[in-house]
C-alpha cells in the first residue's frame, strides 16, 4: 500500500476521522466521548498493534491518537511507524512515556505531536483541533 492511497478526505467540512489506540479502557472511552462531542468522527478504538493496523487499513483515519504502551508485544511506537509506512497516516502520541529513547524511536513515524499523560479533555481537544485545522 502506498501513502497516496491513504490520503485524507478532501472535504474540508467533513469531520476529521480519528483512530484511538489506547489499551486503558476508561481513557479510550473518555477520549472517544470527548472527540465525538466535539464533532470528530472516531472510526475505532484499538488496544493492540494488530487491532490498530486492521482498523487503520479498513477506515483510513486522518489522525491516529497513539499511546506508547499497548496490550501487545509491539508498542505504540512500532505501531505508529508501521501505520505511517503502510498507509501514510499521521500519529499524535498520547503518552506518559516521553523519555529520550521513545521520542527518538518515534521520529521515524513523523508524529504531528505529543500530548503528555495525564491529560485533560480540553488539552486533548486542543491538540486534535490543531491538527484538524491544517
N, C-alpha and C. Protein backbone atom coordinates (compact mmCIF):
# COMPACT_ATOMS: atom_id res chain seq x y z
N UNK A 1 0.84 -1.17 0.00
CA UNK A 1 0.00 0.00 0.00
C UNK A 1 0.89 1.24 0.00
N UNK A 2 0.59 2.19 -0.83
CA UNK A 2 1.39 3.40 -0.90
C UNK A 2 0.73 4.50 -0.08
N UNK A 3 1.51 5.47 0.39
CA UNK A 3 0.92 6.57 1.15
C UNK A 3 -0.15 7.33 0.38
N UNK A 4 -0.04 7.39 -0.93
CA UNK A 4 -1.03 8.11 -1.72
C UNK A 4 -2.41 7.50 -1.56
N UNK A 5 -2.47 6.20 -1.35
CA UNK A 5 -3.76 5.52 -1.20
C UNK A 5 -4.44 5.90 0.11
N UNK A 6 -3.70 6.51 1.01
CA UNK A 6 -4.25 6.82 2.33
C UNK A 6 -4.49 8.31 2.52
N UNK A 7 -4.62 9.05 1.45
CA UNK A 7 -4.82 10.48 1.54
C UNK A 7 -6.13 10.79 2.27
N UNK A 8 -6.09 11.69 3.26
CA UNK A 8 -7.31 12.05 3.97
C UNK A 8 -8.35 12.62 3.02
N UNK A 9 -9.60 12.59 3.45
CA UNK A 9 -10.69 13.10 2.64
C UNK A 9 -10.45 14.56 2.28
N UNK A 10 -10.84 14.93 1.07
CA UNK A 10 -10.59 16.30 0.61
C UNK A 10 -11.66 17.27 1.07
N UNK A 11 -12.80 16.80 1.54
CA UNK A 11 -13.87 17.67 2.01
C UNK A 11 -13.45 18.31 3.33
N UNK A 12 -13.09 19.60 3.29
CA UNK A 12 -12.58 20.27 4.49
C UNK A 12 -13.67 20.45 5.55
N UNK A 13 -14.95 20.34 5.17
CA UNK A 13 -16.04 20.47 6.13
C UNK A 13 -16.37 19.15 6.82
N UNK A 14 -15.83 18.05 6.30
CA UNK A 14 -16.11 16.75 6.90
C UNK A 14 -15.39 16.63 8.24
N UNK A 15 -16.01 15.96 9.20
CA UNK A 15 -15.32 15.78 10.48
C UNK A 15 -14.03 14.99 10.27
N UNK A 16 -13.01 15.34 11.02
CA UNK A 16 -11.77 14.60 10.92
C UNK A 16 -11.98 13.22 11.52
N UNK A 17 -11.47 12.22 10.84
CA UNK A 17 -11.62 10.82 11.24
C UNK A 17 -10.44 10.43 12.13
N UNK A 18 -10.76 9.95 13.33
CA UNK A 18 -9.75 9.67 14.35
C UNK A 18 -9.78 8.19 14.74
N UNK A 19 -8.61 7.58 14.81
CA UNK A 19 -8.45 6.24 15.38
C UNK A 19 -7.76 6.41 16.71
N UNK A 20 -8.34 5.83 17.77
CA UNK A 20 -7.75 5.87 19.11
C UNK A 20 -7.06 4.54 19.37
N UNK A 21 -5.76 4.60 19.67
CA UNK A 21 -5.00 3.40 20.02
C UNK A 21 -4.58 3.56 21.47
N UNK A 22 -5.29 2.86 22.34
CA UNK A 22 -5.14 3.02 23.79
C UNK A 22 -5.59 1.74 24.46
N UNK A 23 -4.76 1.17 25.33
CA UNK A 23 -5.14 -0.09 25.98
C UNK A 23 -5.84 0.10 27.32
N UNK A 24 -5.93 1.31 27.81
CA UNK A 24 -6.67 1.57 29.06
C UNK A 24 -8.09 1.97 28.68
N UNK A 25 -9.03 1.08 28.99
CA UNK A 25 -10.41 1.22 28.54
C UNK A 25 -11.02 2.57 28.91
N UNK A 26 -10.88 2.98 30.17
CA UNK A 26 -11.52 4.23 30.60
C UNK A 26 -10.93 5.45 29.90
N UNK A 27 -9.64 5.45 29.67
CA UNK A 27 -9.01 6.57 28.94
C UNK A 27 -9.53 6.60 27.50
N UNK A 28 -9.59 5.43 26.87
CA UNK A 28 -10.08 5.35 25.49
C UNK A 28 -11.53 5.81 25.40
N UNK A 29 -12.36 5.37 26.34
CA UNK A 29 -13.77 5.74 26.35
C UNK A 29 -13.94 7.24 26.56
N UNK A 30 -13.20 7.80 27.49
CA UNK A 30 -13.27 9.23 27.75
C UNK A 30 -12.85 10.04 26.53
N UNK A 31 -11.76 9.63 25.89
CA UNK A 31 -11.29 10.33 24.69
C UNK A 31 -12.31 10.22 23.57
N UNK A 32 -12.86 9.03 23.38
CA UNK A 32 -13.85 8.83 22.32
C UNK A 32 -15.08 9.72 22.55
N UNK A 33 -15.60 9.73 23.76
CA UNK A 33 -16.78 10.55 24.07
C UNK A 33 -16.50 12.03 23.84
N UNK A 34 -15.34 12.50 24.27
CA UNK A 34 -15.00 13.91 24.12
C UNK A 34 -14.85 14.29 22.65
N UNK A 35 -14.19 13.44 21.87
CA UNK A 35 -13.99 13.73 20.45
C UNK A 35 -15.32 13.72 19.70
N UNK A 36 -16.17 12.76 20.00
CA UNK A 36 -17.49 12.71 19.37
C UNK A 36 -18.30 13.96 19.70
N UNK A 37 -18.25 14.39 20.96
CA UNK A 37 -18.98 15.58 21.39
C UNK A 37 -18.51 16.84 20.67
N UNK A 38 -17.24 16.84 20.25
CA UNK A 38 -16.69 18.00 19.53
C UNK A 38 -16.87 17.88 18.02
N UNK A 39 -17.53 16.82 17.55
CA UNK A 39 -17.82 16.68 16.13
C UNK A 39 -16.82 15.88 15.34
N UNK A 40 -15.86 15.27 16.00
CA UNK A 40 -14.92 14.41 15.30
C UNK A 40 -15.57 13.05 15.07
N UNK A 41 -15.10 12.35 14.09
CA UNK A 41 -15.59 11.02 13.74
C UNK A 41 -14.58 9.99 14.23
N UNK A 42 -14.89 9.29 15.32
CA UNK A 42 -13.99 8.25 15.84
C UNK A 42 -14.29 6.97 15.08
N UNK A 43 -13.32 6.50 14.29
CA UNK A 43 -13.54 5.35 13.42
C UNK A 43 -13.25 4.02 14.11
N UNK A 44 -12.66 4.07 15.31
CA UNK A 44 -12.39 2.84 16.03
C UNK A 44 -11.48 3.08 17.21
N UNK A 45 -11.46 2.08 18.09
CA UNK A 45 -10.57 2.07 19.24
C UNK A 45 -9.83 0.75 19.22
N UNK A 46 -8.51 0.81 19.34
CA UNK A 46 -7.68 -0.40 19.33
C UNK A 46 -6.82 -0.42 20.57
N UNK A 47 -6.55 -1.63 21.06
CA UNK A 47 -5.71 -1.79 22.24
C UNK A 47 -4.41 -2.51 21.91
N UNK A 48 -4.28 -3.00 20.67
CA UNK A 48 -3.09 -3.75 20.28
C UNK A 48 -2.58 -3.29 18.91
N UNK A 49 -1.35 -3.65 18.63
CA UNK A 49 -0.72 -3.41 17.33
C UNK A 49 -1.61 -3.95 16.21
N UNK A 50 -2.03 -5.20 16.35
CA UNK A 50 -2.80 -5.86 15.30
C UNK A 50 -4.15 -5.19 15.07
N UNK A 51 -4.84 -4.86 16.15
CA UNK A 51 -6.14 -4.18 16.02
C UNK A 51 -5.97 -2.83 15.34
N UNK A 52 -4.94 -2.10 15.73
CA UNK A 52 -4.70 -0.76 15.16
C UNK A 52 -4.45 -0.84 13.67
N UNK A 53 -3.62 -1.79 13.23
CA UNK A 53 -3.35 -1.92 11.80
C UNK A 53 -4.60 -2.31 11.03
N UNK A 54 -5.39 -3.20 11.59
CA UNK A 54 -6.61 -3.63 10.92
C UNK A 54 -7.59 -2.47 10.74
N UNK A 55 -7.80 -1.70 11.81
CA UNK A 55 -8.72 -0.57 11.72
C UNK A 55 -8.16 0.51 10.79
N UNK A 56 -6.87 0.78 10.88
CA UNK A 56 -6.26 1.80 10.01
C UNK A 56 -6.40 1.42 8.54
N UNK A 57 -6.21 0.17 8.24
CA UNK A 57 -6.33 -0.29 6.85
C UNK A 57 -7.77 -0.15 6.35
N UNK A 58 -8.70 -0.54 7.18
CA UNK A 58 -10.12 -0.53 6.80
C UNK A 58 -10.70 0.88 6.76
N UNK A 59 -10.37 1.72 7.75
CA UNK A 59 -11.04 3.01 7.92
C UNK A 59 -10.28 4.22 7.38
N UNK A 60 -8.97 4.11 7.24
CA UNK A 60 -8.13 5.21 6.75
C UNK A 60 -8.42 6.53 7.47
N UNK A 61 -8.17 6.57 8.79
CA UNK A 61 -8.43 7.81 9.53
C UNK A 61 -7.50 8.93 9.09
N UNK A 62 -7.84 10.14 9.47
CA UNK A 62 -6.99 11.29 9.20
C UNK A 62 -5.89 11.42 10.24
N UNK A 63 -6.16 10.91 11.45
CA UNK A 63 -5.21 11.03 12.55
C UNK A 63 -5.35 9.82 13.47
N UNK A 64 -4.21 9.38 14.01
CA UNK A 64 -4.21 8.28 14.98
C UNK A 64 -3.71 8.83 16.31
N UNK A 65 -4.55 8.70 17.36
CA UNK A 65 -4.10 9.01 18.72
C UNK A 65 -3.40 7.77 19.23
N UNK A 66 -2.13 7.87 19.56
CA UNK A 66 -1.32 6.69 19.82
C UNK A 66 -0.68 6.72 21.19
N UNK A 67 -1.06 5.76 22.03
CA UNK A 67 -0.38 5.56 23.30
C UNK A 67 0.89 4.75 23.03
N UNK A 68 1.88 4.84 23.91
CA UNK A 68 3.12 4.08 23.72
C UNK A 68 2.96 2.64 24.21
N UNK A 69 2.42 2.48 25.39
CA UNK A 69 2.25 1.13 25.94
C UNK A 69 0.91 0.57 25.48
N UNK A 70 0.99 -0.61 24.85
CA UNK A 70 -0.21 -1.26 24.34
C UNK A 70 -0.31 -2.67 24.91
N UNK A 71 -1.47 -3.27 24.74
CA UNK A 71 -1.72 -4.63 25.24
C UNK A 71 -1.27 -5.66 24.21
N UNK A 72 -0.03 -5.52 23.74
CA UNK A 72 0.52 -6.49 22.79
C UNK A 72 2.04 -6.45 22.89
N UNK A 73 2.68 -7.33 22.19
CA UNK A 73 4.15 -7.39 22.24
C UNK A 73 4.80 -6.22 21.52
N UNK A 74 4.08 -5.57 20.63
CA UNK A 74 4.59 -4.40 19.90
C UNK A 74 3.98 -3.15 20.52
N UNK A 75 4.81 -2.14 20.75
CA UNK A 75 4.32 -0.93 21.42
C UNK A 75 3.77 0.09 20.43
N UNK A 76 3.36 1.23 20.97
CA UNK A 76 2.78 2.27 20.14
C UNK A 76 3.74 2.91 19.16
N UNK A 77 5.01 2.95 19.51
CA UNK A 77 5.99 3.48 18.56
C UNK A 77 6.07 2.56 17.35
N UNK A 78 6.20 1.25 17.59
CA UNK A 78 6.21 0.29 16.48
C UNK A 78 4.93 0.42 15.64
N UNK A 79 3.81 0.56 16.33
CA UNK A 79 2.51 0.65 15.66
C UNK A 79 2.44 1.91 14.80
N UNK A 80 2.83 3.04 15.35
CA UNK A 80 2.80 4.30 14.59
C UNK A 80 3.72 4.24 13.37
N UNK A 81 4.89 3.65 13.55
CA UNK A 81 5.83 3.53 12.43
C UNK A 81 5.22 2.67 11.33
N UNK A 82 4.63 1.56 11.71
CA UNK A 82 4.04 0.66 10.71
C UNK A 82 2.83 1.29 10.03
N UNK A 83 2.00 2.00 10.78
CA UNK A 83 0.84 2.68 10.19
C UNK A 83 1.31 3.77 9.23
N UNK A 84 2.35 4.47 9.58
CA UNK A 84 2.90 5.50 8.69
C UNK A 84 3.47 4.86 7.43
N UNK A 85 4.22 3.77 7.61
CA UNK A 85 4.86 3.09 6.48
C UNK A 85 3.82 2.51 5.52
N UNK A 86 2.84 1.83 6.06
CA UNK A 86 1.86 1.15 5.20
C UNK A 86 0.82 2.08 4.60
N UNK A 87 0.36 3.05 5.40
CA UNK A 87 -0.81 3.82 4.98
C UNK A 87 -0.57 5.33 4.89
N UNK A 88 0.61 5.79 5.32
CA UNK A 88 0.91 7.21 5.25
C UNK A 88 0.14 8.05 6.26
N UNK A 89 -0.32 7.42 7.36
CA UNK A 89 -1.16 8.11 8.33
C UNK A 89 -0.34 8.71 9.46
N UNK A 90 -0.76 9.87 9.91
CA UNK A 90 -0.06 10.60 10.97
C UNK A 90 -0.56 10.17 12.35
N UNK A 91 0.34 10.21 13.32
CA UNK A 91 0.00 9.90 14.71
C UNK A 91 0.29 11.09 15.62
N UNK A 92 -0.55 11.21 16.63
CA UNK A 92 -0.35 12.13 17.74
C UNK A 92 -0.16 11.25 18.96
N UNK A 93 1.05 11.26 19.52
CA UNK A 93 1.33 10.40 20.67
C UNK A 93 0.67 10.98 21.92
N UNK A 94 -0.02 10.13 22.66
CA UNK A 94 -0.66 10.50 23.92
C UNK A 94 -0.10 9.55 24.96
N UNK A 95 0.97 9.96 25.62
CA UNK A 95 1.66 9.02 26.49
C UNK A 95 2.43 9.71 27.60
N UNK A 96 2.59 8.98 28.69
CA UNK A 96 3.46 9.44 29.77
C UNK A 96 4.90 9.01 29.51
N UNK A 97 5.11 8.20 28.50
CA UNK A 97 6.43 7.65 28.18
C UNK A 97 7.13 8.48 27.11
N UNK A 98 7.57 9.66 27.52
CA UNK A 98 8.24 10.57 26.60
C UNK A 98 9.74 10.66 26.87
N UNK A 99 10.31 9.54 27.28
CA UNK A 99 11.74 9.54 27.52
C UNK A 99 12.48 9.69 26.19
N UNK A 100 13.74 10.03 26.28
CA UNK A 100 14.53 10.32 25.08
C UNK A 100 14.55 9.16 24.10
N UNK A 101 14.62 7.94 24.61
CA UNK A 101 14.66 6.77 23.72
C UNK A 101 13.36 6.63 22.91
N UNK A 102 12.21 6.74 23.57
CA UNK A 102 10.94 6.64 22.86
C UNK A 102 10.74 7.78 21.87
N UNK A 103 11.10 8.98 22.28
CA UNK A 103 10.96 10.13 21.39
C UNK A 103 11.84 9.95 20.15
N UNK A 104 13.05 9.49 20.34
CA UNK A 104 13.96 9.26 19.21
C UNK A 104 13.42 8.17 18.28
N UNK A 105 12.96 7.07 18.86
CA UNK A 105 12.38 5.98 18.06
C UNK A 105 11.17 6.46 17.27
N UNK A 106 10.36 7.30 17.89
CA UNK A 106 9.10 7.74 17.29
C UNK A 106 9.29 8.67 16.10
N UNK A 107 10.44 9.29 15.98
CA UNK A 107 10.66 10.24 14.89
C UNK A 107 10.48 9.61 13.52
N UNK A 108 10.72 8.31 13.41
CA UNK A 108 10.53 7.61 12.14
C UNK A 108 9.07 7.68 11.70
N UNK A 109 8.15 7.72 12.67
CA UNK A 109 6.71 7.78 12.37
C UNK A 109 6.26 9.19 12.00
N UNK A 110 7.16 10.18 12.10
CA UNK A 110 6.84 11.57 11.80
C UNK A 110 5.58 12.03 12.52
N UNK A 111 5.58 11.95 13.86
CA UNK A 111 4.38 12.32 14.61
C UNK A 111 4.05 13.80 14.45
N UNK A 112 2.74 14.11 14.57
CA UNK A 112 2.31 15.50 14.50
C UNK A 112 2.46 16.17 15.85
N UNK A 113 2.74 15.39 16.89
CA UNK A 113 2.96 15.97 18.20
C UNK A 113 2.89 14.94 19.31
N UNK A 114 3.01 15.46 20.54
CA UNK A 114 2.96 14.65 21.76
C UNK A 114 2.03 15.32 22.73
N UNK A 115 1.13 14.56 23.31
CA UNK A 115 0.23 15.03 24.36
C UNK A 115 0.56 14.21 25.60
N UNK A 116 1.22 14.83 26.58
CA UNK A 116 1.65 14.05 27.75
C UNK A 116 0.47 13.63 28.63
N UNK A 117 0.57 12.42 29.13
CA UNK A 117 -0.40 11.91 30.12
C UNK A 117 0.13 12.22 31.50
N UNK A 118 -0.73 12.47 32.44
CA UNK A 118 -2.19 12.53 32.25
C UNK A 118 -2.58 13.85 31.58
N UNK A 119 -3.51 13.78 30.67
CA UNK A 119 -4.00 14.98 30.00
C UNK A 119 -5.47 15.18 30.39
N UNK A 120 -5.93 16.41 30.22
CA UNK A 120 -7.35 16.66 30.43
C UNK A 120 -8.04 16.74 29.07
N UNK A 121 -9.34 16.68 29.10
CA UNK A 121 -10.11 16.65 27.85
C UNK A 121 -9.87 17.91 27.03
N UNK A 122 -9.74 19.05 27.69
CA UNK A 122 -9.52 20.30 26.95
C UNK A 122 -8.21 20.26 26.17
N UNK A 123 -7.16 19.71 26.76
CA UNK A 123 -5.88 19.64 26.05
C UNK A 123 -5.93 18.62 24.92
N UNK A 124 -6.69 17.54 25.11
CA UNK A 124 -6.87 16.57 24.02
C UNK A 124 -7.58 17.22 22.84
N UNK A 125 -8.68 17.90 23.11
CA UNK A 125 -9.44 18.55 22.04
C UNK A 125 -8.58 19.62 21.36
N UNK A 126 -7.82 20.38 22.13
CA UNK A 126 -6.95 21.41 21.55
C UNK A 126 -5.90 20.79 20.64
N UNK A 127 -5.29 19.70 21.07
CA UNK A 127 -4.25 19.05 20.26
C UNK A 127 -4.83 18.48 18.97
N UNK A 128 -5.96 17.83 19.05
CA UNK A 128 -6.59 17.26 17.86
C UNK A 128 -7.10 18.37 16.95
N UNK A 129 -7.67 19.41 17.53
CA UNK A 129 -8.18 20.54 16.73
C UNK A 129 -7.05 21.25 15.99
N UNK A 130 -5.89 21.34 16.63
CA UNK A 130 -4.73 21.96 15.97
C UNK A 130 -4.36 21.18 14.71
N UNK A 131 -4.37 19.86 14.83
CA UNK A 131 -4.10 19.04 13.64
C UNK A 131 -5.22 19.19 12.62
N UNK A 132 -6.46 19.20 13.08
CA UNK A 132 -7.61 19.27 12.18
C UNK A 132 -7.66 20.58 11.41
N UNK A 133 -7.07 21.63 11.97
CA UNK A 133 -7.08 22.95 11.30
C UNK A 133 -6.16 23.00 10.10
N UNK A 134 -5.31 22.01 9.96
CA UNK A 134 -4.36 22.01 8.82
C UNK A 134 -5.05 21.86 7.51
